[in-house]
N, C-alpha and C. Protein backbone atom coordinates (compact mmCIF):
# COMPACT_ATOMS: atom_id res chain seq x y z
N PHE A 1 120.00 83.03 -16.49
CA PHE A 1 119.37 81.82 -15.94
C PHE A 1 117.96 82.12 -15.55
N SER A 2 117.12 80.99 -15.36
CA SER A 2 115.72 81.21 -14.99
C SER A 2 115.48 80.73 -13.59
N ILE A 3 114.55 81.31 -12.99
CA ILE A 3 114.19 80.94 -11.60
C ILE A 3 112.87 80.23 -11.63
N THR A 4 112.86 79.08 -11.00
CA THR A 4 111.63 78.30 -10.94
C THR A 4 111.01 78.41 -9.59
N THR A 5 109.77 78.73 -9.58
CA THR A 5 109.07 78.87 -8.30
C THR A 5 108.82 77.51 -7.69
N SER A 6 108.53 77.52 -6.43
CA SER A 6 108.29 76.24 -5.73
C SER A 6 107.12 75.50 -6.30
N THR A 7 106.13 76.22 -6.72
CA THR A 7 104.94 75.56 -7.29
C THR A 7 105.28 74.88 -8.59
N GLU A 8 106.06 75.53 -9.43
CA GLU A 8 106.45 74.94 -10.70
C GLU A 8 107.34 73.74 -10.47
N ALA A 9 108.24 73.84 -9.45
CA ALA A 9 109.11 72.70 -9.17
C ALA A 9 108.33 71.50 -8.73
N GLN A 10 107.32 71.75 -7.89
CA GLN A 10 106.46 70.62 -7.46
C GLN A 10 105.76 69.98 -8.65
N PHE A 11 105.32 70.81 -9.59
CA PHE A 11 104.62 70.30 -10.76
C PHE A 11 105.53 69.45 -11.62
N GLN A 12 106.81 69.92 -11.82
CA GLN A 12 107.74 69.16 -12.65
C GLN A 12 108.10 67.85 -11.98
N MET A 13 108.28 67.87 -10.68
CA MET A 13 108.59 66.61 -9.98
C MET A 13 107.44 65.63 -10.05
N ALA A 14 106.26 66.15 -9.93
CA ALA A 14 105.08 65.27 -9.97
C ALA A 14 104.93 64.63 -11.32
N SER A 15 105.38 65.32 -12.38
CA SER A 15 105.20 64.76 -13.72
C SER A 15 106.10 63.58 -13.96
N PHE A 16 107.16 63.44 -13.15
CA PHE A 16 108.09 62.32 -13.32
C PHE A 16 107.84 61.17 -12.35
N VAL A 17 106.90 61.31 -11.48
CA VAL A 17 106.60 60.27 -10.49
C VAL A 17 105.43 59.43 -10.98
N SER A 18 105.68 58.10 -11.14
CA SER A 18 104.59 57.20 -11.58
C SER A 18 103.86 56.66 -10.38
N VAL A 19 102.57 56.67 -10.45
CA VAL A 19 101.72 56.21 -9.34
C VAL A 19 101.25 54.80 -9.64
N PRO A 20 101.56 53.86 -8.77
CA PRO A 20 101.12 52.47 -9.02
C PRO A 20 99.62 52.37 -9.03
N PRO A 21 99.10 51.44 -9.85
CA PRO A 21 97.64 51.29 -9.92
C PRO A 21 97.09 50.82 -8.59
N ALA A 22 95.92 51.24 -8.35
CA ALA A 22 95.29 50.88 -7.08
C ALA A 22 94.90 49.41 -7.08
N SER A 23 95.14 48.77 -5.95
CA SER A 23 94.76 47.35 -5.81
C SER A 23 93.26 47.25 -5.64
N PRO A 24 92.67 46.18 -6.22
CA PRO A 24 91.22 46.04 -6.06
C PRO A 24 90.87 45.81 -4.61
N SER A 25 89.80 46.30 -4.23
CA SER A 25 89.36 46.17 -2.85
C SER A 25 87.99 45.52 -2.81
N ILE A 26 87.73 44.81 -1.77
CA ILE A 26 86.45 44.14 -1.59
C ILE A 26 85.56 45.03 -0.76
N VAL A 27 84.45 45.30 -1.31
CA VAL A 27 83.50 46.16 -0.62
C VAL A 27 82.35 45.31 -0.13
N ARG A 28 82.12 45.28 1.10
CA ARG A 28 81.01 44.52 1.67
C ARG A 28 79.79 45.42 1.74
N SER A 29 78.72 44.86 1.20
CA SER A 29 77.48 45.64 1.20
C SER A 29 76.42 44.88 1.96
N GLY A 30 75.29 45.43 2.04
CA GLY A 30 74.17 44.80 2.74
C GLY A 30 73.54 43.70 1.91
N PRO A 31 72.49 43.09 2.38
CA PRO A 31 71.80 42.01 1.63
C PRO A 31 71.37 42.46 0.24
N ALA A 32 71.52 41.53 -0.77
CA ALA A 32 71.14 41.88 -2.14
C ALA A 32 69.63 41.96 -2.25
N SER A 33 69.18 42.75 -3.18
CA SER A 33 67.75 42.89 -3.40
C SER A 33 67.21 41.66 -4.12
N PRO A 34 65.90 41.41 -4.05
CA PRO A 34 65.31 40.26 -4.77
C PRO A 34 65.61 40.30 -6.26
N GLU A 35 65.63 41.48 -6.86
CA GLU A 35 65.91 41.58 -8.28
C GLU A 35 67.33 41.12 -8.59
N THR A 36 68.25 41.47 -7.71
CA THR A 36 69.65 41.07 -7.91
C THR A 36 69.82 39.57 -7.77
N LEU A 37 69.16 38.99 -6.75
CA LEU A 37 69.23 37.53 -6.56
C LEU A 37 68.67 36.79 -7.77
N MET A 38 67.56 37.29 -8.29
CA MET A 38 66.94 36.66 -9.47
C MET A 38 67.88 36.73 -10.67
N ALA A 39 68.51 37.85 -10.85
CA ALA A 39 69.44 38.00 -11.98
C ALA A 39 70.62 37.05 -11.85
N ARG A 40 71.09 36.87 -10.59
CA ARG A 40 72.21 35.96 -10.38
C ARG A 40 71.80 34.51 -10.70
N ARG A 41 70.61 34.13 -10.24
CA ARG A 41 70.13 32.76 -10.51
C ARG A 41 70.00 32.51 -12.00
N GLN A 42 69.44 33.50 -12.73
CA GLN A 42 69.30 33.34 -14.17
C GLN A 42 70.65 33.20 -14.86
N ALA A 43 71.64 33.96 -14.37
CA ALA A 43 72.98 33.88 -14.96
C ALA A 43 73.59 32.51 -14.74
N VAL A 44 73.41 31.97 -13.50
CA VAL A 44 73.95 30.64 -13.19
C VAL A 44 73.24 29.58 -14.02
N SER A 45 71.91 29.67 -14.15
CA SER A 45 71.14 28.70 -14.94
C SER A 45 71.58 28.71 -16.39
N THR A 46 71.79 29.90 -16.92
CA THR A 46 72.24 30.02 -18.31
C THR A 46 73.61 29.38 -18.50
N LEU A 47 74.50 29.58 -17.52
CA LEU A 47 75.84 29.02 -17.61
C LEU A 47 75.80 27.51 -17.62
N PHE A 48 75.01 26.91 -16.72
CA PHE A 48 74.92 25.45 -16.67
C PHE A 48 74.20 24.88 -17.88
N ALA A 49 73.24 25.62 -18.40
CA ALA A 49 72.52 25.15 -19.59
C ALA A 49 73.45 25.05 -20.78
N LYS A 50 74.41 25.98 -20.89
CA LYS A 50 75.36 25.95 -22.00
C LYS A 50 76.30 24.77 -21.88
N LYS A 51 76.65 24.40 -20.62
CA LYS A 51 77.59 23.31 -20.41
C LYS A 51 76.93 21.95 -20.50
N LYS A 52 75.60 21.91 -20.31
CA LYS A 52 74.88 20.62 -20.30
C LYS A 52 74.89 20.01 -21.69
N LYS A 53 75.23 18.73 -21.78
CA LYS A 53 75.27 18.03 -23.06
C LYS A 53 73.87 17.67 -23.53
N THR A 54 73.69 17.61 -24.83
CA THR A 54 72.39 17.23 -25.39
C THR A 54 72.14 15.75 -25.13
N ALA A 55 70.94 15.43 -24.62
CA ALA A 55 70.61 14.04 -24.30
C ALA A 55 70.49 13.23 -25.57
N PRO A 56 71.00 12.01 -25.57
CA PRO A 56 70.88 11.16 -26.77
C PRO A 56 69.44 10.78 -27.02
N PRO A 57 69.08 10.41 -28.26
CA PRO A 57 67.71 10.01 -28.57
C PRO A 57 67.29 8.81 -27.72
N SER A 58 66.01 8.78 -27.34
CA SER A 58 65.50 7.70 -26.49
C SER A 58 65.59 6.37 -27.22
N SER A 59 66.09 5.36 -26.50
CA SER A 59 66.21 4.02 -27.08
C SER A 59 65.07 3.11 -26.64
N LYS A 60 64.11 3.65 -25.88
CA LYS A 60 63.00 2.85 -25.40
C LYS A 60 62.09 2.48 -26.55
N LYS A 61 61.69 1.22 -26.60
CA LYS A 61 60.83 0.75 -27.68
C LYS A 61 59.42 1.30 -27.52
N ILE A 62 58.74 1.44 -28.65
CA ILE A 62 57.35 1.88 -28.65
C ILE A 62 56.52 0.86 -29.42
N PHE A 63 55.20 0.89 -29.24
CA PHE A 63 54.31 -0.03 -29.93
C PHE A 63 53.68 0.66 -31.14
N VAL A 64 53.65 -0.07 -32.25
CA VAL A 64 52.99 0.44 -33.46
C VAL A 64 52.08 -0.64 -34.03
N LYS A 65 51.04 -0.22 -34.73
CA LYS A 65 50.08 -1.15 -35.33
C LYS A 65 50.14 -0.99 -36.85
N LEU A 66 50.35 -2.09 -37.54
CA LEU A 66 50.47 -2.05 -38.99
C LEU A 66 49.12 -1.73 -39.62
N THR A 67 49.14 -0.82 -40.58
CA THR A 67 47.92 -0.47 -41.30
C THR A 67 47.78 -1.26 -42.60
N LYS A 68 48.80 -2.04 -42.93
CA LYS A 68 48.78 -2.89 -44.11
C LYS A 68 49.79 -4.01 -43.94
N THR A 69 49.64 -5.05 -44.73
CA THR A 69 50.56 -6.18 -44.65
C THR A 69 51.90 -5.81 -45.26
N ILE A 70 52.98 -6.10 -44.55
CA ILE A 70 54.34 -5.85 -45.03
C ILE A 70 55.07 -7.18 -45.07
N PRO A 71 55.40 -7.68 -46.26
CA PRO A 71 56.10 -8.97 -46.36
C PRO A 71 57.37 -8.99 -45.52
N GLY A 72 57.53 -10.04 -44.75
CA GLY A 72 58.71 -10.18 -43.92
C GLY A 72 58.63 -9.43 -42.61
N VAL A 73 57.56 -8.65 -42.42
CA VAL A 73 57.42 -7.86 -41.18
C VAL A 73 56.19 -8.32 -40.40
N GLY A 74 55.01 -8.29 -41.04
CA GLY A 74 53.79 -8.69 -40.35
C GLY A 74 52.56 -8.44 -41.19
N GLN A 75 51.43 -8.93 -40.66
CA GLN A 75 50.15 -8.76 -41.33
C GLN A 75 49.47 -7.48 -40.86
N LYS A 76 48.48 -7.05 -41.62
CA LYS A 76 47.71 -5.87 -41.23
C LYS A 76 47.10 -6.08 -39.85
N ASN A 77 47.16 -5.03 -39.02
CA ASN A 77 46.64 -5.01 -37.65
C ASN A 77 47.57 -5.69 -36.65
N ASP A 78 48.71 -6.22 -37.11
CA ASP A 78 49.69 -6.76 -36.17
C ASP A 78 50.31 -5.61 -35.37
N ILE A 79 50.65 -5.89 -34.11
CA ILE A 79 51.29 -4.89 -33.26
C ILE A 79 52.76 -5.26 -33.09
N LEU A 80 53.64 -4.30 -33.35
CA LEU A 80 55.08 -4.52 -33.28
C LEU A 80 55.69 -3.61 -32.22
N SER A 81 56.85 -4.02 -31.70
CA SER A 81 57.63 -3.19 -30.79
C SER A 81 58.88 -2.74 -31.54
N VAL A 82 59.00 -1.44 -31.80
CA VAL A 82 60.11 -0.91 -32.59
C VAL A 82 60.71 0.30 -31.90
N SER A 83 61.85 0.75 -32.39
CA SER A 83 62.48 1.96 -31.86
C SER A 83 61.76 3.19 -32.41
N PRO A 84 61.76 4.30 -31.64
CA PRO A 84 61.12 5.53 -32.13
C PRO A 84 61.70 6.00 -33.47
N GLN A 85 63.02 5.82 -33.64
CA GLN A 85 63.66 6.27 -34.88
C GLN A 85 63.15 5.48 -36.08
N LEU A 86 63.00 4.15 -35.92
CA LEU A 86 62.50 3.32 -37.02
C LEU A 86 61.08 3.70 -37.38
N PHE A 87 60.26 3.96 -36.38
CA PHE A 87 58.87 4.36 -36.64
C PHE A 87 58.81 5.68 -37.39
N GLN A 88 59.57 6.67 -36.92
CA GLN A 88 59.52 7.98 -37.54
C GLN A 88 60.11 7.99 -38.95
N ASN A 89 61.21 7.28 -39.13
CA ASN A 89 61.92 7.32 -40.42
C ASN A 89 61.32 6.39 -41.47
N LYS A 90 60.57 5.37 -41.05
CA LYS A 90 60.07 4.40 -42.02
C LYS A 90 58.55 4.26 -41.98
N TYR A 91 58.05 3.69 -40.90
CA TYR A 91 56.63 3.33 -40.86
C TYR A 91 55.70 4.54 -40.87
N GLN A 92 56.05 5.56 -40.10
CA GLN A 92 55.20 6.76 -40.09
C GLN A 92 55.31 7.51 -41.41
N ARG A 93 56.51 7.53 -41.96
CA ARG A 93 56.73 8.28 -43.19
C ARG A 93 55.95 7.69 -44.37
N ASN A 94 55.93 6.35 -44.49
CA ASN A 94 55.20 5.76 -45.62
C ASN A 94 53.78 5.33 -45.26
N GLY A 95 53.35 5.67 -44.04
CA GLY A 95 51.96 5.41 -43.65
C GLY A 95 51.63 3.95 -43.46
N SER A 96 52.62 3.12 -43.16
CA SER A 96 52.37 1.68 -43.01
C SER A 96 52.07 1.27 -41.57
N ALA A 97 52.16 2.22 -40.63
CA ALA A 97 51.87 1.89 -39.23
C ALA A 97 51.50 3.15 -38.47
N VAL A 98 50.76 2.97 -37.39
CA VAL A 98 50.41 4.08 -36.50
C VAL A 98 50.85 3.71 -35.09
N ARG A 99 51.15 4.70 -34.30
CA ARG A 99 51.61 4.44 -32.94
C ARG A 99 50.41 4.14 -32.04
N VAL A 100 50.58 3.19 -31.13
CA VAL A 100 49.54 2.85 -30.16
C VAL A 100 50.14 2.87 -28.76
N THR A 101 49.30 3.14 -27.79
CA THR A 101 49.76 3.21 -26.41
C THR A 101 49.76 1.82 -25.78
N GLU A 102 50.39 1.72 -24.62
CA GLU A 102 50.42 0.45 -23.90
C GLU A 102 49.01 0.03 -23.50
N GLU A 103 48.15 1.01 -23.16
CA GLU A 103 46.77 0.70 -22.81
C GLU A 103 46.03 0.10 -23.99
N GLU A 104 46.27 0.66 -25.19
CA GLU A 104 45.61 0.12 -26.39
C GLU A 104 46.13 -1.29 -26.71
N VAL A 105 47.40 -1.53 -26.43
CA VAL A 105 47.96 -2.87 -26.65
C VAL A 105 47.27 -3.88 -25.73
N GLU A 106 47.07 -3.50 -24.48
CA GLU A 106 46.39 -4.39 -23.53
C GLU A 106 44.96 -4.66 -23.97
N GLU A 107 44.28 -3.64 -24.49
CA GLU A 107 42.92 -3.83 -24.99
C GLU A 107 42.89 -4.77 -26.17
N GLU A 108 43.90 -4.64 -27.06
CA GLU A 108 44.00 -5.53 -28.22
C GLU A 108 44.20 -6.98 -27.76
N LYS A 109 45.01 -7.18 -26.73
CA LYS A 109 45.26 -8.52 -26.22
C LYS A 109 43.98 -9.15 -25.68
N ILE A 110 43.20 -8.35 -24.98
CA ILE A 110 41.94 -8.86 -24.43
C ILE A 110 40.97 -9.21 -25.55
N GLU A 111 40.86 -8.32 -26.55
CA GLU A 111 39.98 -8.58 -27.69
C GLU A 111 40.42 -9.82 -28.46
N GLU A 112 41.74 -9.97 -28.65
CA GLU A 112 42.24 -11.14 -29.36
C GLU A 112 41.97 -12.42 -28.58
N LYS A 113 42.11 -12.36 -27.28
CA LYS A 113 41.82 -13.52 -26.43
C LYS A 113 40.35 -13.91 -26.55
N ASN A 114 39.48 -12.91 -26.58
CA ASN A 114 38.05 -13.18 -26.73
C ASN A 114 37.74 -13.77 -28.10
N ARG A 115 38.42 -13.27 -29.14
CA ARG A 115 38.21 -13.81 -30.49
C ARG A 115 38.66 -15.27 -30.57
N GLN A 116 39.81 -15.55 -29.97
CA GLN A 116 40.32 -16.92 -29.99
C GLN A 116 39.38 -17.87 -29.25
N PHE A 117 38.82 -17.40 -28.15
CA PHE A 117 37.88 -18.23 -27.38
C PHE A 117 36.64 -18.51 -28.21
N GLU A 118 36.13 -17.49 -28.90
CA GLU A 118 34.93 -17.67 -29.72
C GLU A 118 35.20 -18.60 -30.90
N MET A 119 36.36 -18.46 -31.52
CA MET A 119 36.73 -19.35 -32.62
C MET A 119 36.84 -20.80 -32.15
N LEU A 120 37.41 -21.00 -30.97
CA LEU A 120 37.54 -22.35 -30.42
C LEU A 120 36.17 -22.94 -30.13
N ARG A 121 35.29 -22.14 -29.59
CA ARG A 121 33.93 -22.62 -29.29
C ARG A 121 33.20 -23.04 -30.57
N GLU A 122 33.31 -22.22 -31.62
CA GLU A 122 32.67 -22.54 -32.90
C GLU A 122 33.28 -23.79 -33.52
N ALA A 123 34.60 -23.91 -33.45
CA ALA A 123 35.27 -25.06 -34.05
C ALA A 123 34.88 -26.36 -33.35
N GLU A 124 34.79 -26.35 -32.04
CA GLU A 124 34.41 -27.55 -31.31
C GLU A 124 32.96 -27.94 -31.59
N ALA A 125 32.09 -26.94 -31.72
CA ALA A 125 30.69 -27.22 -32.06
C ALA A 125 30.58 -27.81 -33.46
N LEU A 126 31.36 -27.25 -34.40
CA LEU A 126 31.34 -27.76 -35.77
C LEU A 126 31.92 -29.17 -35.84
N LYS A 127 32.92 -29.44 -35.05
CA LYS A 127 33.51 -30.79 -35.00
C LYS A 127 32.45 -31.83 -34.64
N ASP A 128 31.65 -31.52 -33.63
CA ASP A 128 30.59 -32.46 -33.21
C ASP A 128 29.60 -32.71 -34.35
N GLU A 129 29.25 -31.67 -35.08
CA GLU A 129 28.29 -31.82 -36.19
C GLU A 129 28.89 -32.65 -37.31
N LEU A 130 30.13 -32.36 -37.67
CA LEU A 130 30.76 -33.07 -38.78
C LEU A 130 30.95 -34.55 -38.48
N GLU A 131 31.29 -34.87 -37.25
CA GLU A 131 31.57 -36.26 -36.92
C GLU A 131 30.28 -37.09 -36.78
N GLN A 132 29.13 -36.43 -36.73
CA GLN A 132 27.85 -37.13 -36.74
C GLN A 132 27.26 -37.20 -38.15
N PHE A 133 27.97 -36.64 -39.10
CA PHE A 133 27.49 -36.56 -40.48
C PHE A 133 28.29 -37.51 -41.37
N GLU A 134 27.62 -38.04 -42.37
CA GLU A 134 28.29 -38.89 -43.36
C GLU A 134 28.05 -38.31 -44.74
N LEU A 135 29.13 -38.07 -45.45
CA LEU A 135 29.05 -37.49 -46.79
C LEU A 135 29.00 -38.60 -47.83
N ASN A 136 27.91 -38.63 -48.59
CA ASN A 136 27.75 -39.63 -49.65
C ASN A 136 28.02 -38.98 -51.00
N ILE A 137 28.97 -39.57 -51.73
CA ILE A 137 29.36 -39.02 -53.04
C ILE A 137 29.11 -40.08 -54.11
N PRO A 138 28.09 -39.90 -54.95
CA PRO A 138 27.86 -40.86 -56.06
C PRO A 138 28.78 -40.56 -57.24
N LYS A 139 29.38 -41.60 -57.77
CA LYS A 139 30.30 -41.44 -58.90
C LYS A 139 30.09 -42.58 -59.89
N LYS A 140 30.31 -42.28 -61.16
CA LYS A 140 30.28 -43.33 -62.18
C LYS A 140 31.52 -44.20 -62.01
N ALA A 141 31.30 -45.51 -62.13
CA ALA A 141 32.43 -46.43 -61.93
C ALA A 141 32.34 -47.60 -62.88
N GLY A 142 33.47 -48.22 -63.12
CA GLY A 142 33.53 -49.40 -63.99
C GLY A 142 33.20 -50.65 -63.21
N PRO A 143 33.21 -51.79 -63.87
CA PRO A 143 32.87 -53.07 -63.23
C PRO A 143 33.81 -53.43 -62.07
N ASN A 144 35.04 -52.96 -62.12
CA ASN A 144 36.00 -53.27 -61.06
C ASN A 144 35.97 -52.29 -59.90
N GLY A 145 35.03 -51.36 -59.94
CA GLY A 145 34.89 -50.39 -58.84
C GLY A 145 35.71 -49.14 -59.00
N HIS A 146 36.53 -49.06 -60.02
CA HIS A 146 37.31 -47.84 -60.25
C HIS A 146 36.39 -46.74 -60.81
N ILE A 147 36.43 -45.59 -60.17
CA ILE A 147 35.55 -44.51 -60.59
C ILE A 147 36.18 -43.73 -61.74
N PHE A 148 35.32 -43.05 -62.48
CA PHE A 148 35.81 -42.19 -63.56
C PHE A 148 36.24 -40.86 -62.95
N GLY A 149 37.48 -40.55 -63.10
CA GLY A 149 38.03 -39.37 -62.44
C GLY A 149 38.47 -39.73 -61.04
N SER A 150 38.33 -38.80 -60.09
CA SER A 150 38.71 -39.05 -58.70
C SER A 150 37.98 -38.08 -57.78
N VAL A 151 38.00 -38.41 -56.50
CA VAL A 151 37.41 -37.52 -55.49
C VAL A 151 38.57 -36.84 -54.77
N THR A 152 38.68 -35.55 -54.94
CA THR A 152 39.80 -34.80 -54.37
C THR A 152 39.41 -34.14 -53.04
N SER A 153 40.40 -33.70 -52.33
CA SER A 153 40.17 -32.98 -51.07
C SER A 153 39.40 -31.69 -51.32
N LYS A 154 39.70 -31.03 -52.41
CA LYS A 154 39.00 -29.80 -52.76
C LYS A 154 37.53 -30.06 -53.00
N PHE A 155 37.21 -31.17 -53.68
CA PHE A 155 35.81 -31.52 -53.95
C PHE A 155 35.08 -31.83 -52.64
N ILE A 156 35.74 -32.53 -51.74
CA ILE A 156 35.13 -32.86 -50.45
C ILE A 156 34.80 -31.59 -49.66
N MET A 157 35.71 -30.63 -49.63
CA MET A 157 35.47 -29.37 -48.92
C MET A 157 34.32 -28.61 -49.56
N SER A 158 34.23 -28.64 -50.87
CA SER A 158 33.14 -27.97 -51.56
C SER A 158 31.79 -28.57 -51.19
N GLU A 159 31.74 -29.91 -51.12
CA GLU A 159 30.49 -30.59 -50.74
C GLU A 159 30.10 -30.28 -49.29
N LEU A 160 31.07 -30.22 -48.41
CA LEU A 160 30.78 -29.92 -47.01
C LEU A 160 30.28 -28.49 -46.84
N LYS A 161 30.83 -27.56 -47.60
CA LYS A 161 30.36 -26.18 -47.53
C LYS A 161 28.91 -26.08 -47.99
N ASN A 162 28.55 -26.90 -48.98
CA ASN A 162 27.15 -26.90 -49.44
C ASN A 162 26.23 -27.50 -48.39
N LYS A 163 26.70 -28.49 -47.67
CA LYS A 163 25.88 -29.14 -46.64
C LYS A 163 25.78 -28.30 -45.37
N PHE A 164 26.82 -27.50 -45.10
CA PHE A 164 26.84 -26.65 -43.91
C PHE A 164 27.11 -25.20 -44.32
N PRO A 165 26.13 -24.55 -44.94
CA PRO A 165 26.36 -23.22 -45.52
C PRO A 165 26.64 -22.11 -44.50
N ASN A 166 26.16 -22.26 -43.30
CA ASN A 166 26.30 -21.19 -42.30
C ASN A 166 27.42 -21.46 -41.30
N LYS A 167 28.32 -22.35 -41.65
CA LYS A 167 29.42 -22.70 -40.77
C LYS A 167 30.74 -22.15 -41.31
N PRO A 168 31.71 -21.93 -40.43
CA PRO A 168 32.99 -21.32 -40.86
C PRO A 168 33.92 -22.31 -41.57
N LEU A 169 33.40 -22.93 -42.64
CA LEU A 169 34.22 -23.87 -43.40
C LEU A 169 34.98 -23.19 -44.54
N ASP A 170 34.67 -21.91 -44.76
CA ASP A 170 35.31 -21.19 -45.86
C ASP A 170 36.59 -20.46 -45.42
N LYS A 171 36.98 -20.65 -44.17
CA LYS A 171 38.20 -20.01 -43.69
C LYS A 171 39.43 -20.64 -44.33
N LYS A 172 40.48 -19.84 -44.48
CA LYS A 172 41.69 -20.34 -45.13
C LYS A 172 42.36 -21.46 -44.35
N TYR A 173 42.22 -21.42 -43.03
CA TYR A 173 42.89 -22.43 -42.20
C TYR A 173 42.10 -23.73 -42.10
N VAL A 174 40.87 -23.77 -42.63
CA VAL A 174 40.06 -25.00 -42.62
C VAL A 174 40.36 -25.77 -43.90
N LYS A 175 40.86 -26.97 -43.76
CA LYS A 175 41.23 -27.76 -44.93
C LYS A 175 41.31 -29.24 -44.58
N VAL A 176 41.27 -30.07 -45.63
CA VAL A 176 41.42 -31.51 -45.44
C VAL A 176 42.89 -31.79 -45.17
N LYS A 177 43.15 -32.36 -44.03
CA LYS A 177 44.52 -32.65 -43.63
C LYS A 177 45.00 -33.96 -44.23
N ALA A 178 44.10 -34.93 -44.34
CA ALA A 178 44.48 -36.25 -44.88
C ALA A 178 43.23 -37.04 -45.22
N LEU A 179 43.36 -37.94 -46.18
CA LEU A 179 42.31 -38.91 -46.52
C LEU A 179 42.76 -40.28 -46.03
N GLN A 180 41.82 -41.02 -45.46
CA GLN A 180 42.16 -42.34 -44.94
C GLN A 180 41.31 -43.42 -45.61
N ASN A 181 41.92 -44.57 -45.82
CA ASN A 181 41.20 -45.70 -46.43
C ASN A 181 40.44 -46.48 -45.35
N GLN A 182 39.91 -47.64 -45.74
CA GLN A 182 39.12 -48.45 -44.80
C GLN A 182 39.95 -48.99 -43.64
N ASP A 183 41.25 -49.01 -43.78
CA ASP A 183 42.13 -49.48 -42.70
C ASP A 183 42.62 -48.31 -41.82
N ASN A 184 42.01 -47.15 -42.01
CA ASN A 184 42.37 -45.95 -41.25
C ASN A 184 43.83 -45.53 -41.46
N LYS A 185 44.34 -45.81 -42.64
CA LYS A 185 45.70 -45.40 -42.99
C LYS A 185 45.64 -44.22 -43.95
N ASP A 186 46.53 -43.27 -43.74
CA ASP A 186 46.55 -42.09 -44.60
C ASP A 186 46.90 -42.48 -46.04
N MET A 187 46.16 -41.88 -46.96
CA MET A 187 46.39 -42.13 -48.38
C MET A 187 47.27 -41.03 -48.97
N LYS A 188 48.09 -41.42 -49.93
CA LYS A 188 48.97 -40.45 -50.58
C LYS A 188 48.39 -39.96 -51.91
N HIS A 189 47.12 -40.31 -52.17
CA HIS A 189 46.49 -39.91 -53.43
C HIS A 189 45.00 -39.67 -53.19
N ASP A 190 44.32 -39.19 -54.22
CA ASP A 190 42.88 -38.95 -54.12
C ASP A 190 42.13 -40.28 -54.13
N ILE A 191 40.82 -40.20 -53.86
CA ILE A 191 39.98 -41.39 -53.87
C ILE A 191 39.69 -41.78 -55.32
N LYS A 192 39.99 -43.02 -55.68
CA LYS A 192 39.82 -43.49 -57.06
C LYS A 192 38.98 -44.76 -57.17
N VAL A 193 38.57 -45.29 -56.02
CA VAL A 193 37.82 -46.54 -56.00
C VAL A 193 36.61 -46.37 -55.10
N LEU A 194 35.50 -47.06 -55.47
CA LEU A 194 34.30 -47.02 -54.62
C LEU A 194 34.63 -47.59 -53.24
N GLY A 195 33.96 -47.06 -52.22
CA GLY A 195 34.19 -47.59 -50.88
C GLY A 195 33.96 -46.54 -49.80
N GLU A 196 34.34 -46.91 -48.61
CA GLU A 196 34.18 -46.02 -47.46
C GLU A 196 35.55 -45.45 -47.05
N TYR A 197 35.51 -44.17 -46.75
CA TYR A 197 36.75 -43.47 -46.43
C TYR A 197 36.51 -42.49 -45.28
N LYS A 198 37.57 -41.86 -44.86
CA LYS A 198 37.49 -40.83 -43.84
C LYS A 198 38.36 -39.64 -44.27
N ALA A 199 37.89 -38.48 -43.89
CA ALA A 199 38.67 -37.26 -44.16
C ALA A 199 38.96 -36.56 -42.84
N LYS A 200 40.22 -36.37 -42.56
CA LYS A 200 40.61 -35.61 -41.37
C LYS A 200 40.68 -34.13 -41.75
N ILE A 201 39.84 -33.33 -41.10
CA ILE A 201 39.72 -31.92 -41.45
C ILE A 201 40.21 -31.06 -40.28
N SER A 202 41.15 -30.20 -40.58
CA SER A 202 41.67 -29.27 -39.58
C SER A 202 40.76 -28.05 -39.51
N LEU A 203 40.10 -27.88 -38.38
CA LEU A 203 39.19 -26.75 -38.19
C LEU A 203 39.85 -25.57 -37.49
N LEU A 204 40.85 -25.87 -36.70
CA LEU A 204 41.61 -24.87 -35.97
C LEU A 204 42.94 -25.51 -35.61
N LYS A 205 43.82 -24.76 -35.01
CA LYS A 205 45.15 -25.30 -34.72
C LYS A 205 45.09 -26.59 -33.91
N ASP A 206 44.23 -26.65 -32.91
CA ASP A 206 44.16 -27.82 -32.04
C ASP A 206 42.83 -28.55 -32.14
N VAL A 207 42.08 -28.28 -33.19
CA VAL A 207 40.77 -28.92 -33.35
C VAL A 207 40.71 -29.60 -34.71
N GLU A 208 40.44 -30.89 -34.69
CA GLU A 208 40.40 -31.69 -35.93
C GLU A 208 39.17 -32.58 -35.92
N ALA A 209 38.46 -32.61 -37.03
CA ALA A 209 37.26 -33.45 -37.16
C ALA A 209 37.52 -34.57 -38.16
N VAL A 210 36.92 -35.72 -37.91
CA VAL A 210 37.03 -36.85 -38.83
C VAL A 210 35.65 -37.08 -39.44
N VAL A 211 35.56 -36.92 -40.75
CA VAL A 211 34.28 -37.04 -41.47
C VAL A 211 34.27 -38.35 -42.25
N ARG A 212 33.16 -39.09 -42.10
CA ARG A 212 33.01 -40.35 -42.86
C ARG A 212 32.52 -40.03 -44.25
N ILE A 213 33.11 -40.72 -45.22
CA ILE A 213 32.78 -40.50 -46.65
C ILE A 213 32.49 -41.84 -47.30
N THR A 214 31.38 -41.89 -48.03
CA THR A 214 31.05 -43.07 -48.81
C THR A 214 30.98 -42.69 -50.27
N VAL A 215 31.82 -43.32 -51.06
CA VAL A 215 31.78 -43.11 -52.51
C VAL A 215 31.05 -44.30 -53.10
N SER A 216 29.85 -44.05 -53.60
CA SER A 216 28.98 -45.12 -54.11
C SER A 216 28.81 -45.00 -55.61
N ALA A 217 28.39 -46.09 -56.23
CA ALA A 217 28.18 -46.11 -57.68
C ALA A 217 26.95 -45.30 -58.03
N GLU A 218 27.13 -44.49 -59.03
CA GLU A 218 26.01 -43.65 -59.47
C GLU A 218 25.02 -44.49 -60.24
N SER A 219 23.74 -44.41 -59.84
CA SER A 219 22.72 -45.25 -60.49
C SER A 219 22.20 -44.58 -61.77
């Protein structure tokens, strides 16, 4: 038989004894250093940044100014209010509009108001001149007073432009609105008989002039 020394016996016994894992312990330390505090803040900021949802695209309207006429949308230089996505995906991409600020929009409004005032002033001054003027149109006519051909609204406007060359009669919105006979009744046709007539001419939206017209026999 073999004899085991006390030291060897202790060693063999120890090899069969399992030692439970040590429980975690809380160690209290002194105040953290500034570097440690900064690192903690950065870690917390990073954590919240990962959890933060991406903000949806802004739905606030922006102002854009058309650089050309777009049928069904607006005329050149018109200012529209559109979404940022529509501007970026369409108007900016094809170069049909540029973005303008709210300050620029206000400036445009003031300029447009001044233009409208100036146009109204010119139209009212022209109205006074036209209503003091009488347009005489000589035409060949038969014994019964019927003229050869007719006097049309287009011809009347042409004659007035010749008589008032420096006036805004060539604008698209200036036109003969109606022709009236001697009874001041609107006619549904051109002038075909010698006599006195009137032409109602639209100079602006709210400004209308009445011009006296005499169609006389050509000598």
